[in-house]
Amino acid sequence: MRNYSKIGLILFVISLMMIGCGGKQQAQEGDRVQMRYVGTLDDGSVFDSSRTEQPFEFTLGAGEAIPGFDQAIVGMAVGETKSITISPEEAYGERREDMFFKKSVADMPVEERPEVGTMVQLRGPQNRVINAEVVEAEGDSVTLDANHPLAGKTLNFEITLLKILES
């Protein structure tokens, strides 16, 4: 009879270990998760935050977030907070020279002459919207930069996994 008690206790302990000793879930690829974050640059300036808005919700591995952010969430437990650093390659990529181009002012989609710093939306292949910043305005043409504003930058995040909504 005693051996059965020991076996029962061992099986009970093993089952607790398998469910995570308290049921804390860990995020896995394919999970829909909800989180809060603050994103900063190396100089400490905040470029984005979900602290004062609705929590950020997305599906891990579905391409809804930058790759480095996605990868950092995998394995996190609900309620866990951590700080991460994401290189440009795992975020918005390096700044590319081929994303700079000249365009005639007459072909610009704005009514007034665009000034340096103005953001414009252009149509690219397959009618895709391209956001670009006017970086130079000279004569009848402007030079546009279609790089993402965070391209080439290392991004720092403090993230808290709030919920795993569905797997």
Protein backbone atom coordinates (compact mmCIF):
# COMPACT_ATOMS: atom_id res chain seq x y z
CA MET A 1 0.00 0.00 0.00
CA ARG A 2 2.82 2.39 0.82
CA ASN A 3 4.41 2.00 -2.62
CA TYR A 4 1.16 3.12 -4.22
CA SER A 5 1.22 6.30 -2.11
CA LYS A 6 4.77 7.11 -3.20
CA ILE A 7 3.95 6.45 -6.85
CA GLY A 8 0.85 8.65 -6.57
CA LEU A 9 2.87 11.46 -4.99
CA ILE A 10 5.55 11.20 -7.69
CA LEU A 11 2.93 11.31 -10.45
CA PHE A 12 1.28 14.31 -8.78
CA VAL A 13 4.61 16.20 -8.62
CA ILE A 14 5.38 15.33 -12.26
CA SER A 15 1.96 16.59 -13.37
CA LEU A 16 2.51 19.87 -11.50
CA MET A 17 5.84 20.28 -13.25
CA MET A 18 4.24 19.63 -16.65
CA ILE A 19 1.59 22.34 -16.19
CA GLY A 20 4.14 24.84 -15.00
CA CYS A 21 3.74 24.69 -11.21
CA GLY A 22 0.97 27.20 -10.86
CA GLY A 23 -0.27 27.43 -14.40
CA LYS A 24 1.85 30.35 -15.64
CA GLN A 25 1.56 30.31 -19.40
CA GLN A 26 4.49 31.02 -21.65
CA ALA A 27 4.01 32.67 -25.02
CA GLN A 28 4.68 30.54 -28.07
CA GLU A 29 4.70 31.22 -31.79
CA GLY A 30 1.11 31.33 -33.06
CA ASP A 31 -0.27 32.72 -29.77
CA ARG A 32 -2.29 35.93 -29.84
CA VAL A 33 -0.81 38.07 -27.05
CA GLN A 34 -1.57 41.34 -25.33
CA MET A 35 1.21 43.49 -23.90
CA ARG A 36 2.38 46.90 -22.84
CA TYR A 37 5.69 48.40 -23.93
CA VAL A 38 7.82 51.53 -24.03
CA GLY A 39 10.25 51.93 -26.93
CA THR A 40 13.30 54.17 -26.58
CA LEU A 41 16.34 55.05 -28.66
CA ASP A 42 19.88 54.84 -27.30
CA ASP A 43 19.72 58.52 -26.28
CA GLY A 44 16.74 57.70 -24.01
CA SER A 45 14.10 59.43 -26.13
CA VAL A 46 10.76 57.60 -26.33
CA PHE A 47 9.66 56.82 -29.90
CA ASP A 48 6.58 54.76 -29.04
CA SER A 49 4.61 53.53 -26.04
CA SER A 50 1.44 51.61 -25.28
CA ARG A 51 1.41 52.62 -21.59
CA THR A 52 -1.32 55.24 -21.98
CA GLU A 53 -3.30 53.55 -24.76
CA GLN A 54 -4.93 50.18 -25.29
CA PRO A 55 -2.47 47.30 -24.82
CA PHE A 56 -0.71 46.19 -28.00
CA GLU A 57 -2.22 42.96 -29.34
CA PHE A 58 -0.74 40.75 -32.06
CA THR A 59 -0.09 37.16 -33.11
CA LEU A 60 3.45 35.89 -32.54
CA GLY A 61 5.15 34.85 -35.76
CA ALA A 62 2.49 36.31 -38.06
CA GLY A 63 4.60 39.27 -39.22
CA GLU A 64 2.48 41.81 -37.31
CA ALA A 65 5.47 43.12 -35.33
CA ILE A 66 9.15 43.64 -36.14
CA PRO A 67 11.08 40.33 -36.02
CA GLY A 68 13.19 41.17 -32.94
CA PHE A 69 10.09 42.15 -30.95
CA ASP A 70 8.33 38.91 -31.97
CA GLN A 71 11.32 36.78 -30.96
CA ALA A 72 11.67 38.48 -27.57
CA ILE A 73 8.11 37.61 -26.55
CA VAL A 74 8.42 33.88 -27.28
CA GLY A 75 8.98 32.11 -23.95
CA MET A 76 7.82 35.02 -21.77
CA ALA A 77 5.41 34.19 -18.95
CA VAL A 78 2.18 36.09 -18.39
CA GLY A 79 2.99 38.98 -16.03
CA GLU A 80 6.69 38.96 -16.86
CA THR A 81 8.49 42.23 -17.67
CA LYS A 82 11.83 42.44 -19.44
CA SER A 83 14.06 44.88 -21.26
CA ILE A 84 15.35 44.09 -24.73
CA THR A 85 17.58 45.71 -27.33
CA ILE A 86 16.83 45.13 -31.01
CA SER A 87 19.43 45.75 -33.70
CA PRO A 88 18.46 47.55 -36.92
CA GLU A 89 18.62 44.23 -38.81
CA GLU A 90 15.90 42.79 -36.53
CA ALA A 91 13.84 46.00 -36.61
CA TYR A 92 13.46 48.28 -39.64
CA GLY A 93 16.76 47.47 -41.34
CA GLU A 94 19.68 49.74 -42.15
CA ARG A 95 19.13 53.04 -43.97
CA ARG A 96 19.34 52.42 -47.69
CA GLU A 97 20.62 54.90 -50.27
CA ASP A 98 18.29 53.45 -52.92
CA MET A 99 15.35 54.73 -50.83
CA PHE A 100 16.34 58.34 -51.65
CA PHE A 101 15.01 59.70 -54.94
CA LYS A 102 14.23 62.94 -56.77
CA LYS A 103 10.78 63.87 -57.95
CA SER A 104 9.41 66.84 -59.85
CA VAL A 105 7.40 69.24 -57.69
CA ALA A 106 4.67 69.13 -60.36
CA ASP A 107 4.31 65.37 -59.76
CA MET A 108 3.94 65.71 -55.99
CA PRO A 109 0.58 64.75 -54.44
CA VAL A 110 0.36 67.98 -52.40
CA GLU A 111 -1.20 71.30 -53.33
CA GLU A 112 1.51 73.51 -51.86
CA ARG A 113 5.21 73.34 -52.55
CA PRO A 114 6.57 70.74 -50.13
CA GLU A 115 9.13 71.95 -47.61
CA VAL A 116 12.00 70.05 -46.02
CA GLY A 117 10.57 67.86 -43.25
CA THR A 118 7.16 67.44 -44.91
CA MET A 119 5.86 63.86 -44.96
CA VAL A 120 4.12 62.82 -48.20
CA GLN A 121 2.37 59.69 -49.38
CA LEU A 122 3.15 58.40 -52.84
CA ARG A 123 1.87 55.41 -54.79
CA GLY A 124 4.35 52.71 -55.66
CA PRO A 125 4.13 49.38 -57.49
CA GLN A 126 0.76 47.64 -57.19
CA ASN A 127 -0.66 50.99 -55.97
CA ARG A 128 1.10 50.48 -52.62
CA VAL A 129 1.33 53.55 -50.36
CA ILE A 130 4.87 54.77 -49.75
CA ASN A 131 5.54 57.29 -46.98
CA ALA A 132 8.47 59.60 -47.66
CA GLU A 133 10.02 62.68 -46.11
CA VAL A 134 11.13 65.69 -48.13
CA VAL A 135 14.83 66.03 -47.29
CA GLU A 136 15.76 68.62 -49.92
CA ALA A 137 13.73 71.11 -51.97
CA GLU A 138 15.60 72.79 -54.79
CA GLY A 139 14.21 74.42 -57.91
CA ASP A 140 11.53 72.33 -59.58
CA SER A 141 12.42 69.11 -57.78
CA VAL A 142 12.52 67.62 -54.31
CA THR A 143 14.61 64.81 -52.84
CA LEU A 144 12.59 62.27 -50.87
CA ASP A 145 13.68 59.72 -48.27
CA ALA A 146 11.43 56.64 -48.19
CA ASN A 147 13.39 54.88 -45.45
CA HIS A 148 11.38 54.09 -42.33
CA PRO A 149 12.08 56.83 -39.74
CA LEU A 150 13.57 54.19 -37.40
CA ALA A 151 15.73 52.50 -40.07
CA GLY A 152 19.35 52.20 -38.97
CA LYS A 153 18.51 52.68 -35.30
CA THR A 154 18.93 50.33 -32.37
CA LEU A 155 15.62 50.05 -30.51
CA ASN A 156 15.21 49.43 -26.78
CA PHE A 157 11.97 48.16 -25.28
CA GLU A 158 10.63 47.48 -21.85
CA ILE A 159 7.84 44.96 -22.38
CA THR A 160 5.27 43.33 -20.12
CA LEU A 161 3.26 40.33 -21.29
CA LEU A 162 -0.29 40.89 -20.00
CA LYS A 163 -2.26 38.01 -21.51
CA ILE A 164 -2.15 35.13 -23.91
CA LEU A 165 -5.54 35.46 -25.60
CA GLU A 166 -5.57 32.37 -27.81
CA SER A 167 -3.24 29.77 -29.23
